[in-house]
Amino acid sequence: MTILEIPPYSPELNSCGQVWQYIKDKWLKNRCYKDSDEILTVAADAWMNFISEEGRIQSLCSRDWATL
């Protein structure tokens, strides 16, 4: 086993960043919110929309080079 250090900025290795970027671009970007409750509601709705898109997580998080 060899430990590989990940460079400080490596979006291709950080699938969480790609998920967050997709959610922001599709549901959260360029909006104004009246209060923190609305932010929480919209964020929860965005998450539910995201997880309901069949195959979306796999398309954002899978890597050709990381298959068995």
PDB file of N, CA and C in Angstrom:
ATOM      1  N   MET A   1       0.843  -1.156   0.000  1.00  0.00           N
ATOM      2  CA  MET A   1       0.000   0.000   0.000  1.00  0.00           C
ATOM      3  C   MET A   1       0.896   1.228   0.000  1.00  0.00           C
ATOM      4  N   THR A   2       0.544   2.188  -0.837  1.00  0.00           N
ATOM      5  CA  THR A   2       1.297   3.430  -0.916  1.00  0.00           C
ATOM      6  C   THR A   2       0.362   4.600  -0.660  1.00  0.00           C
ATOM      7  N   ILE A   3       0.793   5.510   0.173  1.00  0.00           N
ATOM      8  CA  ILE A   3      -0.006   6.710   0.447  1.00  0.00           C
ATOM      9  C   ILE A   3       0.356   7.775  -0.579  1.00  0.00           C
ATOM     10  N   LEU A   4      -0.637   8.279  -1.265  1.00  0.00           N
ATOM     11  CA  LEU A   4      -0.433   9.342  -2.238  1.00  0.00           C
ATOM     12  C   LEU A   4      -0.988  10.632  -1.673  1.00  0.00           C
ATOM     13  N   GLU A   5      -0.186  11.669  -1.668  1.00  0.00           N
ATOM     14  CA  GLU A   5      -0.668  12.955  -1.195  1.00  0.00           C
ATOM     15  C   GLU A   5      -1.446  13.640  -2.311  1.00  0.00           C
ATOM     16  N   ILE A   6      -2.602  14.165  -1.947  1.00  0.00           N
ATOM     17  CA  ILE A   6      -3.437  14.877  -2.904  1.00  0.00           C
ATOM     18  C   ILE A   6      -2.984  16.334  -2.944  1.00  0.00           C
ATOM     19  N   PRO A   7      -2.827  16.902  -4.139  1.00  0.00           N
ATOM     20  CA  PRO A   7      -2.458  18.312  -4.233  1.00  0.00           C
ATOM     21  C   PRO A   7      -3.509  19.189  -3.555  1.00  0.00           C
ATOM     22  N   PRO A   8      -3.135  20.415  -3.114  1.00  0.00           N
ATOM     23  CA  PRO A   8      -4.078  21.267  -2.400  1.00  0.00           C
ATOM     24  C   PRO A   8      -5.359  21.550  -3.188  1.00  0.00           C
ATOM     25  N   TYR A   9      -5.249  21.723  -4.486  1.00  0.00           N
ATOM     26  CA  TYR A   9      -6.437  21.955  -5.299  1.00  0.00           C
ATOM     27  C   TYR A   9      -6.502  20.859  -6.350  1.00  0.00           C
ATOM     28  N   SER A  10      -7.404  19.927  -6.155  1.00  0.00           N
ATOM     29  CA  SER A  10      -7.523  18.814  -7.096  1.00  0.00           C
ATOM     30  C   SER A  10      -8.995  18.423  -7.221  1.00  0.00           C
ATOM     31  N   PRO A  11      -9.793  19.227  -7.939  1.00  0.00           N
ATOM     32  CA  PRO A  11     -11.232  18.950  -8.022  1.00  0.00           C
ATOM     33  C   PRO A  11     -11.559  17.601  -8.633  1.00  0.00           C
ATOM     34  N   GLU A  12     -10.703  17.081  -9.489  1.00  0.00           N
ATOM     35  CA  GLU A  12     -10.987  15.777 -10.081  1.00  0.00           C
ATOM     36  C   GLU A  12     -10.896  14.658  -9.054  1.00  0.00           C
ATOM     37  N   LEU A  13     -10.254  14.920  -7.919  1.00  0.00           N
ATOM     38  CA  LEU A  13     -10.157  13.929  -6.856  1.00  0.00           C
ATOM     39  C   LEU A  13     -11.150  14.175  -5.729  1.00  0.00           C
ATOM     40  N   ASN A  14     -11.841  15.291  -5.771  1.00  0.00           N
ATOM     41  CA  ASN A  14     -12.775  15.651  -4.712  1.00  0.00           C
ATOM     42  C   ASN A  14     -14.183  15.726  -5.286  1.00  0.00           C
ATOM     43  N   SER A  15     -14.873  14.617  -5.251  1.00  0.00           N
ATOM     44  CA  SER A  15     -16.210  14.573  -5.849  1.00  0.00           C
ATOM     45  C   SER A  15     -17.220  15.403  -5.056  1.00  0.00           C
ATOM     46  N   CYS A  16     -16.977  15.633  -3.778  1.00  0.00           N
ATOM     47  CA  CYS A  16     -17.893  16.481  -2.993  1.00  0.00           C
ATOM     48  C   CYS A  16     -17.946  17.889  -3.563  1.00  0.00           C
ATOM     49  N   GLY A  17     -16.811  18.373  -4.012  1.00  0.00           N
ATOM     50  CA  GLY A  17     -16.771  19.708  -4.620  1.00  0.00           C
ATOM     51  C   GLY A  17     -17.598  19.780  -5.890  1.00  0.00           C
ATOM     52  N   GLN A  18     -17.588  18.732  -6.666  1.00  0.00           N
ATOM     53  CA  GLN A  18     -18.364  18.720  -7.894  1.00  0.00           C
ATOM     54  C   GLN A  18     -19.854  18.625  -7.610  1.00  0.00           C
ATOM     55  N   VAL A  19     -20.217  17.869  -6.585  1.00  0.00           N
ATOM     56  CA  VAL A  19     -21.626  17.782  -6.189  1.00  0.00           C
ATOM     57  C   VAL A  19     -22.114  19.151  -5.729  1.00  0.00           C
ATOM     58  N   TRP A  20     -21.334  19.809  -4.861  1.00  0.00           N
ATOM     59  CA  TRP A  20     -21.707  21.117  -4.349  1.00  0.00           C
ATOM     60  C   TRP A  20     -21.824  22.136  -5.491  1.00  0.00           C
ATOM     61  N   GLN A  21     -20.886  22.119  -6.417  1.00  0.00           N
ATOM     62  CA  GLN A  21     -20.929  23.047  -7.549  1.00  0.00           C
ATOM     63  C   GLN A  21     -22.184  22.822  -8.398  1.00  0.00           C
ATOM     64  N   TYR A  22     -22.531  21.575  -8.639  1.00  0.00           N
ATOM     65  CA  TYR A  22     -23.733  21.262  -9.414  1.00  0.00           C
ATOM     66  C   TYR A  22     -24.983  21.794  -8.713  1.00  0.00           C
ATOM     67  N   ILE A  23     -25.086  21.551  -7.399  1.00  0.00           N
ATOM     68  CA  ILE A  23     -26.256  22.015  -6.649  1.00  0.00           C
ATOM     69  C   ILE A  23     -26.329  23.542  -6.672  1.00  0.00           C
ATOM     70  N   LYS A  24     -25.206  24.196  -6.453  1.00  0.00           N
ATOM     71  CA  LYS A  24     -25.198  25.665  -6.484  1.00  0.00           C
ATOM     72  C   LYS A  24     -25.623  26.186  -7.854  1.00  0.00           C
ATOM     73  N   ASP A  25     -25.044  25.638  -8.907  1.00  0.00           N
ATOM     74  CA  ASP A  25     -25.351  26.115 -10.260  1.00  0.00           C
ATOM     75  C   ASP A  25     -26.812  25.904 -10.633  1.00  0.00           C
ATOM     76  N   LYS A  26     -27.370  24.784 -10.218  1.00  0.00           N
ATOM     77  CA  LYS A  26     -28.718  24.451 -10.654  1.00  0.00           C
ATOM     78  C   LYS A  26     -29.823  25.070  -9.789  1.00  0.00           C
ATOM     79  N   TRP A  27     -29.613  25.166  -8.465  1.00  0.00           N
ATOM     80  CA  TRP A  27     -30.720  25.584  -7.600  1.00  0.00           C
ATOM     81  C   TRP A  27     -30.434  26.770  -6.686  1.00  0.00           C
ATOM     82  N   LEU A  28     -29.194  27.085  -6.409  1.00  0.00           N
ATOM     83  CA  LEU A  28     -28.916  28.070  -5.371  1.00  0.00           C
ATOM     84  C   LEU A  28     -28.280  29.377  -5.854  1.00  0.00           C
ATOM     85  N   LYS A  29     -27.716  29.371  -7.010  1.00  0.00           N
ATOM     86  CA  LYS A  29     -26.937  30.507  -7.485  1.00  0.00           C
ATOM     87  C   LYS A  29     -27.803  31.693  -7.897  1.00  0.00           C
ATOM     88  N   ASN A  30     -27.266  32.891  -7.677  1.00  0.00           N
ATOM     89  CA  ASN A  30     -27.881  34.145  -8.119  1.00  0.00           C
ATOM     90  C   ASN A  30     -29.287  34.345  -7.570  1.00  0.00           C
ATOM     91  N   ARG A  31     -29.437  34.125  -6.286  1.00  0.00           N
ATOM     92  CA  ARG A  31     -30.723  34.327  -5.625  1.00  0.00           C
ATOM     93  C   ARG A  31     -30.507  35.136  -4.358  1.00  0.00           C
ATOM     94  N   CYS A  32     -31.518  35.831  -3.945  1.00  0.00           N
ATOM     95  CA  CYS A  32     -31.507  36.536  -2.665  1.00  0.00           C
ATOM     96  C   CYS A  32     -32.492  35.839  -1.747  1.00  0.00           C
ATOM     97  N   TYR A  33     -32.137  35.735  -0.498  1.00  0.00           N
ATOM     98  CA  TYR A  33     -32.973  35.066   0.485  1.00  0.00           C
ATOM     99  C   TYR A  33     -33.367  36.064   1.563  1.00  0.00           C
ATOM    100  N   LYS A  34     -34.596  35.959   2.034  1.00  0.00           N
ATOM    101  CA  LYS A  34     -35.060  36.938   3.013  1.00  0.00           C
ATOM    102  C   LYS A  34     -34.547  36.673   4.420  1.00  0.00           C
ATOM    103  N   ASP A  35     -34.257  35.406   4.747  1.00  0.00           N
ATOM    104  CA  ASP A  35     -33.728  35.097   6.078  1.00  0.00           C
ATOM    105  C   ASP A  35     -33.070  33.718   6.064  1.00  0.00           C
ATOM    106  N   SER A  36     -32.480  33.358   7.205  1.00  0.00           N
ATOM    107  CA  SER A  36     -31.761  32.081   7.277  1.00  0.00           C
ATOM    108  C   SER A  36     -32.703  30.882   7.165  1.00  0.00           C
ATOM    109  N   ASP A  37     -33.927  31.030   7.584  1.00  0.00           N
ATOM    110  CA  ASP A  37     -34.889  29.927   7.433  1.00  0.00           C
ATOM    111  C   ASP A  37     -35.144  29.618   5.968  1.00  0.00           C
ATOM    112  N   GLU A  38     -35.232  30.650   5.160  1.00  0.00           N
ATOM    113  CA  GLU A  38     -35.434  30.429   3.728  1.00  0.00           C
ATOM    114  C   GLU A  38     -34.211  29.758   3.103  1.00  0.00           C
ATOM    115  N   ILE A  39     -33.029  30.139   3.552  1.00  0.00           N
ATOM    116  CA  ILE A  39     -31.807  29.506   3.046  1.00  0.00           C
ATOM    117  C   ILE A  39     -31.826  28.008   3.364  1.00  0.00           C
ATOM    118  N   LEU A  40     -32.175  27.665   4.576  1.00  0.00           N
ATOM    119  CA  LEU A  40     -32.227  26.255   4.963  1.00  0.00           C
ATOM    120  C   LEU A  40     -33.276  25.486   4.168  1.00  0.00           C
ATOM    121  N   THR A  41     -34.428  26.106   3.950  1.00  0.00           N
ATOM    122  CA  THR A  41     -35.500  25.458   3.189  1.00  0.00           C
ATOM    123  C   THR A  41     -35.073  25.221   1.743  1.00  0.00           C
ATOM    124  N   VAL A  42     -34.510  26.249   1.135  1.00  0.00           N
ATOM    125  CA  VAL A  42     -34.091  26.138  -0.269  1.00  0.00           C
ATOM    126  C   VAL A  42     -32.950  25.125  -0.404  1.00  0.00           C
ATOM    127  N   ALA A  43     -32.018  25.136   0.546  1.00  0.00           N
ATOM    128  CA  ALA A  43     -30.908  24.178   0.496  1.00  0.00           C
ATOM    129  C   ALA A  43     -31.418  22.747   0.648  1.00  0.00           C
ATOM    130  N   ALA A  44     -32.356  22.527   1.553  1.00  0.00           N
ATOM    131  CA  ALA A  44     -32.922  21.187   1.729  1.00  0.00           C
ATOM    132  C   ALA A  44     -33.673  20.742   0.473  1.00  0.00           C
ATOM    133  N   ASP A  45     -34.433  21.654  -0.122  1.00  0.00           N
ATOM    134  CA  ASP A  45     -35.138  21.331  -1.368  1.00  0.00           C
ATOM    135  C   ASP A  45     -34.156  21.006  -2.489  1.00  0.00           C
ATOM    136  N   ALA A  46     -33.070  21.776  -2.564  1.00  0.00           N
ATOM    137  CA  ALA A  46     -32.059  21.527  -3.595  1.00  0.00           C
ATOM    138  C   ALA A  46     -31.445  20.146  -3.411  1.00  0.00           C
ATOM    139  N   TRP A  47     -31.148  19.787  -2.156  1.00  0.00           N
ATOM    140  CA  TRP A  47     -30.577  18.462  -1.888  1.00  0.00           C
ATOM    141  C   TRP A  47     -31.543  17.351  -2.289  1.00  0.00           C
ATOM    142  N   MET A  48     -32.815  17.515  -1.931  1.00  0.00           N
ATOM    143  CA  MET A  48     -33.809  16.497  -2.284  1.00  0.00           C
ATOM    144  C   MET A  48     -33.958  16.378  -3.803  1.00  0.00           C
ATOM    145  N   ASN A  49     -33.932  17.503  -4.503  1.00  0.00           N
ATOM    146  CA  ASN A  49     -33.976  17.471  -5.967  1.00  0.00           C
ATOM    147  C   ASN A  49     -32.758  16.752  -6.529  1.00  0.00           C
ATOM    148  N   PHE A  50     -31.603  17.045  -5.952  1.00  0.00           N
ATOM    149  CA  PHE A  50     -30.363  16.432  -6.423  1.00  0.00           C
ATOM    150  C   PHE A  50     -30.389  14.914  -6.265  1.00  0.00           C
ATOM    151  N   ILE A  51     -30.764  14.444  -5.081  1.00  0.00           N
ATOM    152  CA  ILE A  51     -30.723  12.989  -4.863  1.00  0.00           C
ATOM    153  C   ILE A  51     -31.830  12.253  -5.615  1.00  0.00           C
ATOM    154  N   SER A  52     -32.836  12.996  -6.082  1.00  0.00           N
ATOM    155  CA  SER A  52     -33.900  12.338  -6.845  1.00  0.00           C
ATOM    156  C   SER A  52     -33.543  12.181  -8.327  1.00  0.00           C
ATOM    157  N   GLU A  53     -32.473  12.824  -8.775  1.00  0.00           N
ATOM    158  CA  GLU A  53     -32.044  12.698 -10.175  1.00  0.00           C
ATOM    159  C   GLU A  53     -31.277  11.384 -10.333  1.00  0.00           C
ATOM    160  N   GLU A  54     -31.912  10.432 -10.949  1.00  0.00           N
ATOM    161  CA  GLU A  54     -31.322   9.107 -11.110  1.00  0.00           C
ATOM    162  C   GLU A  54     -30.010   9.175 -11.892  1.00  0.00           C
ATOM    163  N   GLY A  55     -28.970   8.591 -11.319  1.00  0.00           N
ATOM    164  CA  GLY A  55     -27.674   8.519 -11.984  1.00  0.00           C
ATOM    165  C   GLY A  55     -26.819   9.765 -11.856  1.00  0.00           C
ATOM    166  N   ARG A  56     -27.334  10.820 -11.237  1.00  0.00           N
ATOM    167  CA  ARG A  56     -26.582  12.081 -11.156  1.00  0.00           C
ATOM    168  C   ARG A  56     -25.342  11.936 -10.280  1.00  0.00           C
ATOM    169  N   ILE A  57     -25.471  11.298  -9.132  1.00  0.00           N
ATOM    170  CA  ILE A  57     -24.317  11.147  -8.246  1.00  0.00           C
ATOM    171  C   ILE A  57     -23.225  10.356  -8.941  1.00  0.00           C
ATOM    172  N   GLN A  58     -23.606   9.286  -9.603  1.00  0.00           N
ATOM    173  CA  GLN A  58     -22.607   8.476 -10.311  1.00  0.00           C
ATOM    174  C   GLN A  58     -21.950   9.275 -11.426  1.00  0.00           C
ATOM    175  N   SER A  59     -22.725  10.072 -12.150  1.00  0.00           N
ATOM    176  CA  SER A  59     -22.139  10.830 -13.251  1.00  0.00           C
ATOM    177  C   SER A  59     -21.168  11.898 -12.757  1.00  0.00           C
ATOM    178  N   LEU A  60     -21.404  12.444 -11.578  1.00  0.00           N
ATOM    179  CA  LEU A  60     -20.519  13.474 -11.046  1.00  0.00           C
ATOM    180  C   LEU A  60     -19.323  12.888 -10.300  1.00  0.00           C
ATOM    181  N   CYS A  61     -19.488  11.722  -9.708  1.00  0.00           N
ATOM    182  CA  CYS A  61     -18.463  11.208  -8.791  1.00  0.00           C
ATOM    183  C   CYS A  61     -17.622  10.068  -9.351  1.00  0.00           C
ATOM    184  N   SER A  62     -18.038   9.417 -10.401  1.00  0.00           N
ATOM    185  CA  SER A  62     -17.253   8.289 -10.903  1.00  0.00           C
ATOM    186  C   SER A  62     -16.103   8.789 -11.784  1.00  0.00           C
ATOM    187  N   ARG A  63     -15.054   8.021 -11.804  1.00  0.00           N
ATOM    188  CA  ARG A  63     -13.865   8.335 -12.608  1.00  0.00           C
ATOM    189  C   ARG A  63     -13.498   7.121 -13.434  1.00  0.00           C
ATOM    190  N   ASP A  64     -13.196   7.320 -14.710  1.00  0.00           N
ATOM    191  CA  ASP A  64     -12.805   6.210 -15.569  1.00  0.00           C
ATOM    192  C   ASP A  64     -11.562   5.500 -15.045  1.00  0.00           C
ATOM    193  N   TRP A  65     -10.634   6.257 -14.501  1.00  0.00           N
ATOM    194  CA  TRP A  65      -9.374   5.682 -14.049  1.00  0.00           C
ATOM    195  C   TRP A  65      -9.509   4.960 -12.700  1.00  0.00           C
ATOM    196  N   ALA A  66     -10.659   5.097 -12.038  1.00  0.00           N
ATOM    197  CA  ALA A  66     -10.831   4.498 -10.708  1.00  0.00           C
ATOM    198  C   ALA A  66     -11.730   3.263 -10.739  1.00  0.00           C
ATOM    199  N   THR A  67     -11.837   2.622 -11.869  1.00  0.00           N
ATOM    200  CA  THR A  67     -12.667   1.407 -11.956  1.00  0.00           C
ATOM    201  C   THR A  67     -11.792   0.185 -11.749  1.00  0.00           C
ATOM    202  N   LEU A  68     -12.437  -0.897 -11.340  1.00  0.00           N
ATOM    203  CA  LEU A  68     -11.701  -2.152 -11.117  1.00  0.00           C
ATOM    204  C   LEU A  68     -11.465  -2.879 -12.396  1.00  0.00           C
TER     205      LEU A  68
END
